[in-house]
């Protein structure tokens, strides 16, 4: 029981960057977004258009982006369907 509680407690403190691919962020430039909307040809968030070729499936069902300024490295969206 103690081991299970320790594992559960550690999972609460798992860094958000843990599943982002290194080629997207190098553990520095990714974050969840709440204002993403699907538009023709891609998505828009924070006033920036993200084309479909930058979109990857999200591992947690939310939207995330990896960026440096307004340069989008990767964008994660929930799988549809």
PDB file of N, CA and C in Angstrom:
ATOM      1  N   UNK A   1       0.821  -1.193   0.000  1.00  0.00           N
ATOM      2  CA  UNK A   1       0.000   0.000   0.000  1.00  0.00           C
ATOM      3  C   UNK A   1       0.867   1.259   0.000  1.00  0.00           C
ATOM      4  N   UNK A   2       1.941   1.254   0.793  1.00  0.00           N
ATOM      5  CA  UNK A   2       2.818   2.415   0.870  1.00  0.00           C
ATOM      6  C   UNK A   2       3.460   2.716  -0.487  1.00  0.00           C
ATOM      7  N   UNK A   3       3.849   1.676  -1.231  1.00  0.00           N
ATOM      8  CA  UNK A   3       4.452   1.860  -2.551  1.00  0.00           C
ATOM      9  C   UNK A   3       3.445   2.490  -3.502  1.00  0.00           C
ATOM     10  N   UNK A   4       2.194   1.999  -3.489  1.00  0.00           N
ATOM     11  CA  UNK A   4       1.164   2.543  -4.373  1.00  0.00           C
ATOM     12  C   UNK A   4       0.914   4.014  -4.080  1.00  0.00           C
ATOM     13  N   UNK A   5       0.894   4.380  -2.817  1.00  0.00           N
ATOM     14  CA  UNK A   5       0.690   5.788  -2.467  1.00  0.00           C
ATOM     15  C   UNK A   5       1.859   6.648  -2.910  1.00  0.00           C
ATOM     16  N   UNK A   6       3.070   6.119  -2.777  1.00  0.00           N
ATOM     17  CA  UNK A   6       4.244   6.862  -3.206  1.00  0.00           C
ATOM     18  C   UNK A   6       4.218   7.085  -4.714  1.00  0.00           C
ATOM     19  N   UNK A   7       3.880   6.060  -5.483  1.00  0.00           N
ATOM     20  CA  UNK A   7       3.792   6.188  -6.939  1.00  0.00           C
ATOM     21  C   UNK A   7       2.718   7.196  -7.306  1.00  0.00           C
ATOM     22  N   UNK A   8       1.560   7.129  -6.658  1.00  0.00           N
ATOM     23  CA  UNK A   8       0.482   8.080  -6.933  1.00  0.00           C
ATOM     24  C   UNK A   8       0.913   9.501  -6.598  1.00  0.00           C
ATOM     25  N   UNK A   9       1.584   9.677  -5.473  1.00  0.00           N
ATOM     26  CA  UNK A   9       2.045  11.005  -5.078  1.00  0.00           C
ATOM     27  C   UNK A   9       3.073  11.541  -6.071  1.00  0.00           C
ATOM     28  N   UNK A  10       3.990  10.706  -6.521  1.00  0.00           N
ATOM     29  CA  UNK A  10       4.990  11.147  -7.485  1.00  0.00           C
ATOM     30  C   UNK A  10       4.356  11.538  -8.812  1.00  0.00           C
ATOM     31  N   UNK A  11       3.314  10.830  -9.227  1.00  0.00           N
ATOM     32  CA  UNK A  11       2.675  11.147 -10.493  1.00  0.00           C
ATOM     33  C   UNK A  11       2.010  12.518 -10.462  1.00  0.00           C
ATOM     34  N   UNK A  12       1.625  12.983  -9.274  1.00  0.00           N
ATOM     35  CA  UNK A  12       1.040  14.314  -9.155  1.00  0.00           C
ATOM     36  C   UNK A  12       2.061  15.399  -9.453  1.00  0.00           C
ATOM     37  N   UNK A  13       3.325  15.101  -9.227  1.00  0.00           N
ATOM     38  CA  UNK A  13       4.378  16.084  -9.417  1.00  0.00           C
ATOM     39  C   UNK A  13       5.165  15.861 -10.704  1.00  0.00           C
ATOM     40  N   UNK A  14       4.646  15.029 -11.584  1.00  0.00           N
ATOM     41  CA  UNK A  14       5.307  14.768 -12.860  1.00  0.00           C
ATOM     42  C   UNK A  14       5.311  16.056 -13.683  1.00  0.00           C
ATOM     43  N   UNK A  15       6.452  16.483 -14.183  1.00  0.00           N
ATOM     44  CA  UNK A  15       6.487  17.733 -14.926  1.00  0.00           C
ATOM     45  C   UNK A  15       5.655  17.666 -16.200  1.00  0.00           C
ATOM     46  N   UNK A  16       5.048  18.781 -16.561  1.00  0.00           N
ATOM     47  CA  UNK A  16       4.202  18.833 -17.756  1.00  0.00           C
ATOM     48  C   UNK A  16       4.989  18.497 -19.013  1.00  0.00           C
ATOM     49  N   UNK A  17       6.268  18.793 -19.017  1.00  0.00           N
ATOM     50  CA  UNK A  17       7.077  18.546 -20.208  1.00  0.00           C
ATOM     51  C   UNK A  17       7.391  17.075 -20.428  1.00  0.00           C
ATOM     52  N   UNK A  18       7.002  16.212 -19.537  1.00  0.00           N
ATOM     53  CA  UNK A  18       7.449  14.830 -19.592  1.00  0.00           C
ATOM     54  C   UNK A  18       7.090  14.116 -20.888  1.00  0.00           C
ATOM     55  N   UNK A  19       5.996  14.469 -21.543  1.00  0.00           N
ATOM     56  CA  UNK A  19       5.635  13.756 -22.766  1.00  0.00           C
ATOM     57  C   UNK A  19       5.881  14.554 -24.039  1.00  0.00           C
ATOM     58  N   UNK A  20       6.306  15.772 -23.934  1.00  0.00           N
ATOM     59  CA  UNK A  20       6.594  16.546 -25.135  1.00  0.00           C
ATOM     60  C   UNK A  20       7.878  16.024 -25.776  1.00  0.00           C
ATOM     61  N   UNK A  21       7.866  15.795 -27.091  1.00  0.00           N
ATOM     62  CA  UNK A  21       9.088  15.325 -27.758  1.00  0.00           C
ATOM     63  C   UNK A  21      10.204  16.374 -27.673  1.00  0.00           C
ATOM     64  N   UNK A  22      11.419  15.914 -27.535  1.00  0.00           N
ATOM     65  CA  UNK A  22      12.556  16.836 -27.426  1.00  0.00           C
ATOM     66  C   UNK A  22      12.693  17.741 -28.647  1.00  0.00           C
ATOM     67  N   UNK A  23      12.346  17.233 -29.826  1.00  0.00           N
ATOM     68  CA  UNK A  23      12.487  18.075 -31.017  1.00  0.00           C
ATOM     69  C   UNK A  23      11.498  19.242 -31.008  1.00  0.00           C
ATOM     70  N   UNK A  24      10.503  19.174 -30.133  1.00  0.00           N
ATOM     71  CA  UNK A  24       9.530  20.264 -30.054  1.00  0.00           C
ATOM     72  C   UNK A  24       9.925  21.333 -29.053  1.00  0.00           C
ATOM     73  N   UNK A  25      10.585  20.929 -27.959  1.00  0.00           N
ATOM     74  CA  UNK A  25      10.735  21.927 -26.905  1.00  0.00           C
ATOM     75  C   UNK A  25      12.014  21.864 -26.095  1.00  0.00           C
ATOM     76  N   UNK A  26      12.737  20.798 -26.120  1.00  0.00           N
ATOM     77  CA  UNK A  26      13.921  20.668 -25.271  1.00  0.00           C
ATOM     78  C   UNK A  26      13.595  20.977 -23.811  1.00  0.00           C
ATOM     79  N   UNK A  27      12.397  20.608 -23.380  1.00  0.00           N
ATOM     80  CA  UNK A  27      11.928  20.801 -22.002  1.00  0.00           C
ATOM     81  C   UNK A  27      11.823  22.261 -21.571  1.00  0.00           C
ATOM     82  N   UNK A  28      11.645  23.184 -22.509  1.00  0.00           N
ATOM     83  CA  UNK A  28      11.602  24.595 -22.138  1.00  0.00           C
ATOM     84  C   UNK A  28      10.449  25.381 -22.735  1.00  0.00           C
ATOM     85  N   UNK A  29       9.982  25.047 -23.889  1.00  0.00           N
ATOM     86  CA  UNK A  29       9.126  25.957 -24.647  1.00  0.00           C
ATOM     87  C   UNK A  29       7.687  25.481 -24.850  1.00  0.00           C
ATOM     88  N   UNK A  30       7.223  24.494 -24.098  1.00  0.00           N
ATOM     89  CA  UNK A  30       5.877  23.970 -24.292  1.00  0.00           C
ATOM     90  C   UNK A  30       4.982  24.324 -23.117  1.00  0.00           C
ATOM     91  N   UNK A  31       3.700  24.520 -23.423  1.00  0.00           N
ATOM     92  CA  UNK A  31       2.735  24.822 -22.380  1.00  0.00           C
ATOM     93  C   UNK A  31       1.321  24.521 -22.867  1.00  0.00           C
ATOM     94  N   UNK A  32       0.409  24.234 -21.935  1.00  0.00           N
ATOM     95  CA  UNK A  32      -0.992  24.049 -22.310  1.00  0.00           C
ATOM     96  C   UNK A  32      -1.595  25.388 -22.749  1.00  0.00           C
ATOM     97  N   UNK A  33      -2.581  25.331 -23.630  1.00  0.00           N
ATOM     98  CA  UNK A  33      -3.330  26.525 -24.034  1.00  0.00           C
ATOM     99  C   UNK A  33      -4.819  26.244 -23.894  1.00  0.00           C
ATOM    100  N   UNK A  34      -5.575  27.264 -23.569  1.00  0.00           N
ATOM    101  CA  UNK A  34      -7.019  27.098 -23.387  1.00  0.00           C
ATOM    102  C   UNK A  34      -7.828  27.852 -24.429  1.00  0.00           C
ATOM    103  N   UNK A  35      -7.173  28.635 -25.269  1.00  0.00           N
ATOM    104  CA  UNK A  35      -7.923  29.438 -26.235  1.00  0.00           C
ATOM    105  C   UNK A  35      -7.770  28.952 -27.678  1.00  0.00           C
ATOM    106  N   UNK A  36      -7.320  27.717 -27.893  1.00  0.00           N
ATOM    107  CA  UNK A  36      -7.129  27.202 -29.249  1.00  0.00           C
ATOM    108  C   UNK A  36      -8.471  26.944 -29.925  1.00  0.00           C
ATOM    109  N   UNK A  37      -8.569  27.326 -31.186  1.00  0.00           N
ATOM    110  CA  UNK A  37      -9.766  27.056 -31.983  1.00  0.00           C
ATOM    111  C   UNK A  37      -9.343  26.472 -33.326  1.00  0.00           C
ATOM    112  N   UNK A  38     -10.148  25.545 -33.808  1.00  0.00           N
ATOM    113  CA  UNK A  38      -9.883  24.973 -35.125  1.00  0.00           C
ATOM    114  C   UNK A  38     -10.383  25.943 -36.185  1.00  0.00           C
ATOM    115  N   UNK A  39      -9.549  26.189 -37.170  1.00  0.00           N
ATOM    116  CA  UNK A  39      -9.881  27.069 -38.293  1.00  0.00           C
ATOM    117  C   UNK A  39      -9.513  26.328 -39.573  1.00  0.00           C
ATOM    118  N   UNK A  40     -10.003  26.785 -40.735  1.00  0.00           N
ATOM    119  CA  UNK A  40      -9.626  26.099 -41.977  1.00  0.00           C
ATOM    120  C   UNK A  40      -8.109  25.993 -42.130  1.00  0.00           C
ATOM    121  N   UNK A  41      -7.621  24.785 -42.310  1.00  0.00           N
ATOM    122  CA  UNK A  41      -6.202  24.548 -42.531  1.00  0.00           C
ATOM    123  C   UNK A  41      -5.357  24.411 -41.288  1.00  0.00           C
ATOM    124  N   UNK A  42      -5.963  24.484 -40.091  1.00  0.00           N
ATOM    125  CA  UNK A  42      -5.169  24.347 -38.882  1.00  0.00           C
ATOM    126  C   UNK A  42      -5.892  24.827 -37.637  1.00  0.00           C
ATOM    127  N   UNK A  43      -5.140  25.479 -36.777  1.00  0.00           N
ATOM    128  CA  UNK A  43      -5.661  25.998 -35.504  1.00  0.00           C
ATOM    129  C   UNK A  43      -5.134  27.403 -35.299  1.00  0.00           C
ATOM    130  N   UNK A  44      -5.790  28.123 -34.389  1.00  0.00           N
ATOM    131  CA  UNK A  44      -5.334  29.453 -34.006  1.00  0.00           C
ATOM    132  C   UNK A  44      -5.332  29.531 -32.483  1.00  0.00           C
ATOM    133  N   UNK A  45      -4.241  30.047 -31.941  1.00  0.00           N
ATOM    134  CA  UNK A  45      -4.144  30.294 -30.496  1.00  0.00           C
ATOM    135  C   UNK A  45      -3.256  31.504 -30.276  1.00  0.00           C
ATOM    136  N   UNK A  46      -3.581  32.294 -29.294  1.00  0.00           N
ATOM    137  CA  UNK A  46      -2.810  33.494 -28.963  1.00  0.00           C
ATOM    138  C   UNK A  46      -2.576  34.373 -30.193  1.00  0.00           C
ATOM    139  N   UNK A  47      -3.539  34.382 -31.129  1.00  0.00           N
ATOM    140  CA  UNK A  47      -3.417  35.189 -32.335  1.00  0.00           C
ATOM    141  C   UNK A  47      -2.473  34.630 -33.373  1.00  0.00           C
ATOM    142  N   UNK A  48      -2.003  33.402 -33.183  1.00  0.00           N
ATOM    143  CA  UNK A  48      -1.046  32.779 -34.103  1.00  0.00           C
ATOM    144  C   UNK A  48      -1.734  31.626 -34.832  1.00  0.00           C
ATOM    145  N   UNK A  49      -1.563  31.551 -36.155  1.00  0.00           N
ATOM    146  CA  UNK A  49      -2.088  30.436 -36.947  1.00  0.00           C
ATOM    147  C   UNK A  49      -1.095  29.290 -36.929  1.00  0.00           C
ATOM    148  N   UNK A  50      -1.606  28.069 -36.669  1.00  0.00           N
ATOM    149  CA  UNK A  50      -0.767  26.869 -36.677  1.00  0.00           C
ATOM    150  C   UNK A  50      -1.274  25.958 -37.794  1.00  0.00           C
ATOM    151  N   UNK A  51      -0.477  25.757 -38.845  1.00  0.00           N
ATOM    152  CA  UNK A  51      -0.913  24.894 -39.946  1.00  0.00           C
ATOM    153  C   UNK A  51      -0.953  23.428 -39.520  1.00  0.00           C
ATOM    154  N   UNK A  52      -1.749  22.654 -40.232  1.00  0.00           N
ATOM    155  CA  UNK A  52      -1.948  21.248 -39.883  1.00  0.00           C
ATOM    156  C   UNK A  52      -0.649  20.451 -39.833  1.00  0.00           C
ATOM    157  N   UNK A  53       0.371  20.841 -40.599  1.00  0.00           N
ATOM    158  CA  UNK A  53       1.617  20.062 -40.579  1.00  0.00           C
ATOM    159  C   UNK A  53       2.383  20.212 -39.261  1.00  0.00           C
ATOM    160  N   UNK A  54       1.992  21.137 -38.415  1.00  0.00           N
ATOM    161  CA  UNK A  54       2.602  21.287 -37.088  1.00  0.00           C
ATOM    162  C   UNK A  54       1.781  20.600 -35.993  1.00  0.00           C
ATOM    163  N   UNK A  55       0.616  20.047 -36.363  1.00  0.00           N
ATOM    164  CA  UNK A  55      -0.309  19.486 -35.372  1.00  0.00           C
ATOM    165  C   UNK A  55      -0.002  18.016 -35.119  1.00  0.00           C
ATOM    166  N   UNK A  56       0.072  17.662 -33.842  1.00  0.00           N
ATOM    167  CA  UNK A  56       0.296  16.281 -33.398  1.00  0.00           C
ATOM    168  C   UNK A  56      -0.799  15.912 -32.405  1.00  0.00           C
ATOM    169  N   UNK A  57      -1.039  14.617 -32.205  1.00  0.00           N
ATOM    170  CA  UNK A  57      -2.057  14.233 -31.211  1.00  0.00           C
ATOM    171  C   UNK A  57      -1.587  14.529 -29.784  1.00  0.00           C
ATOM    172  N   UNK A  58      -2.491  15.085 -28.999  1.00  0.00           N
ATOM    173  CA  UNK A  58      -2.208  15.373 -27.595  1.00  0.00           C
ATOM    174  C   UNK A  58      -2.286  14.092 -26.787  1.00  0.00           C
ATOM    175  N   UNK A  59      -1.413  13.957 -25.822  1.00  0.00           N
ATOM    176  CA  UNK A  59      -1.430  12.756 -24.984  1.00  0.00           C
ATOM    177  C   UNK A  59      -2.328  12.893 -23.773  1.00  0.00           C
ATOM    178  N   UNK A  60      -2.828  14.096 -23.508  1.00  0.00           N
ATOM    179  CA  UNK A  60      -3.691  14.266 -22.342  1.00  0.00           C
ATOM    180  C   UNK A  60      -5.080  14.814 -22.688  1.00  0.00           C
ATOM    181  N   UNK A  61      -5.404  14.886 -23.984  1.00  0.00           N
ATOM    182  CA  UNK A  61      -6.723  15.352 -24.396  1.00  0.00           C
ATOM    183  C   UNK A  61      -6.876  16.865 -24.403  1.00  0.00           C
ATOM    184  N   UNK A  62      -5.802  17.599 -24.126  1.00  0.00           N
ATOM    185  CA  UNK A  62      -5.858  19.055 -24.137  1.00  0.00           C
ATOM    186  C   UNK A  62      -5.039  19.630 -25.274  1.00  0.00           C
ATOM    187  N   UNK A  63      -5.092  20.944 -25.399  1.00  0.00           N
ATOM    188  CA  UNK A  63      -4.277  21.649 -26.387  1.00  0.00           C
ATOM    189  C   UNK A  63      -2.988  22.128 -25.730  1.00  0.00           C
ATOM    190  N   UNK A  64      -1.887  22.027 -26.468  1.00  0.00           N
ATOM    191  CA  UNK A  64      -0.584  22.482 -25.996  1.00  0.00           C
ATOM    192  C   UNK A  64       0.164  23.038 -27.194  1.00  0.00           C
ATOM    193  N   UNK A  65       1.044  23.980 -26.938  1.00  0.00           N
ATOM    194  CA  UNK A  65       1.926  24.420 -28.009  1.00  0.00           C
ATOM    195  C   UNK A  65       3.343  24.567 -27.508  1.00  0.00           C
ATOM    196  N   UNK A  66       4.257  24.350 -28.418  1.00  0.00           N
ATOM    197  CA  UNK A  66       5.679  24.524 -28.157  1.00  0.00           C
ATOM    198  C   UNK A  66       6.113  25.658 -29.083  1.00  0.00           C
ATOM    199  N   UNK A  67       6.637  26.717 -28.510  1.00  0.00           N
ATOM    200  CA  UNK A  67       6.938  27.892 -29.319  1.00  0.00           C
ATOM    201  C   UNK A  67       8.091  28.678 -28.727  1.00  0.00           C
ATOM    202  N   UNK A  68       8.682  29.457 -29.575  1.00  0.00           N
ATOM    203  CA  UNK A  68       9.657  30.471 -29.161  1.00  0.00           C
ATOM    204  C   UNK A  68       9.147  31.764 -29.768  1.00  0.00           C
ATOM    205  N   UNK A  69       8.617  32.618 -28.925  1.00  0.00           N
ATOM    206  CA  UNK A  69       7.953  33.822 -29.431  1.00  0.00           C
ATOM    207  C   UNK A  69       6.717  33.400 -30.213  1.00  0.00           C
ATOM    208  N   UNK A  70       6.571  33.896 -31.417  1.00  0.00           N
ATOM    209  CA  UNK A  70       5.452  33.486 -32.272  1.00  0.00           C
ATOM    210  C   UNK A  70       5.832  32.392 -33.262  1.00  0.00           C
ATOM    211  N   UNK A  71       7.017  31.810 -33.108  1.00  0.00           N
ATOM    212  CA  UNK A  71       7.429  30.694 -33.965  1.00  0.00           C
ATOM    213  C   UNK A  71       6.967  29.400 -33.300  1.00  0.00           C
ATOM    214  N   UNK A  72       6.023  28.708 -33.950  1.00  0.00           N
ATOM    215  CA  UNK A  72       5.465  27.481 -33.401  1.00  0.00           C
ATOM    216  C   UNK A  72       6.332  26.301 -33.836  1.00  0.00           C
ATOM    217  N   UNK A  73       6.827  25.561 -32.856  1.00  0.00           N
ATOM    218  CA  UNK A  73       7.638  24.372 -33.128  1.00  0.00           C
ATOM    219  C   UNK A  73       6.744  23.156 -33.287  1.00  0.00           C
ATOM    220  N   UNK A  74       5.774  22.990 -32.398  1.00  0.00           N
ATOM    221  CA  UNK A  74       4.810  21.884 -32.446  1.00  0.00           C
ATOM    222  C   UNK A  74       3.520  22.345 -31.784  1.00  0.00           C
ATOM    223  N   UNK A  75       2.425  21.738 -32.189  1.00  0.00           N
ATOM    224  CA  UNK A  75       1.130  22.028 -31.595  1.00  0.00           C
ATOM    225  C   UNK A  75       0.439  20.690 -31.360  1.00  0.00           C
ATOM    226  N   UNK A  76      -0.147  20.514 -30.197  1.00  0.00           N
ATOM    227  CA  UNK A  76      -0.814  19.267 -29.839  1.00  0.00           C
ATOM    228  C   UNK A  76      -2.300  19.527 -29.658  1.00  0.00           C
ATOM    229  N   UNK A  77      -3.115  18.711 -30.312  1.00  0.00           N
ATOM    230  CA  UNK A  77      -4.563  18.844 -30.239  1.00  0.00           C
ATOM    231  C   UNK A  77      -5.180  17.489 -29.898  1.00  0.00           C
ATOM    232  N   UNK A  78      -6.345  17.508 -29.238  1.00  0.00           N
ATOM    233  CA  UNK A  78      -7.021  16.238 -28.945  1.00  0.00           C
ATOM    234  C   UNK A  78      -7.390  15.516 -30.236  1.00  0.00           C
ATOM    235  N   UNK A  79      -7.320  14.196 -30.193  1.00  0.00           N
ATOM    236  CA  UNK A  79      -7.741  13.423 -31.360  1.00  0.00           C
ATOM    237  C   UNK A  79      -9.245  13.543 -31.524  1.00  0.00           C
ATOM    238  N   UNK A  80      -9.696  13.760 -32.738  1.00  0.00           N
ATOM    239  CA  UNK A  80     -11.134  13.838 -32.980  1.00  0.00           C
ATOM    240  C   UNK A  80     -11.656  12.466 -33.392  1.00  0.00           C
ATOM    241  N   UNK A  81     -12.945  12.280 -33.151  1.00  0.00           N
ATOM    242  CA  UNK A  81     -13.571  11.039 -33.582  1.00  0.00           C
ATOM    243  C   UNK A  81     -13.617  10.067 -32.511  1.00  0.00           C
TER     244      UNK A  81
END
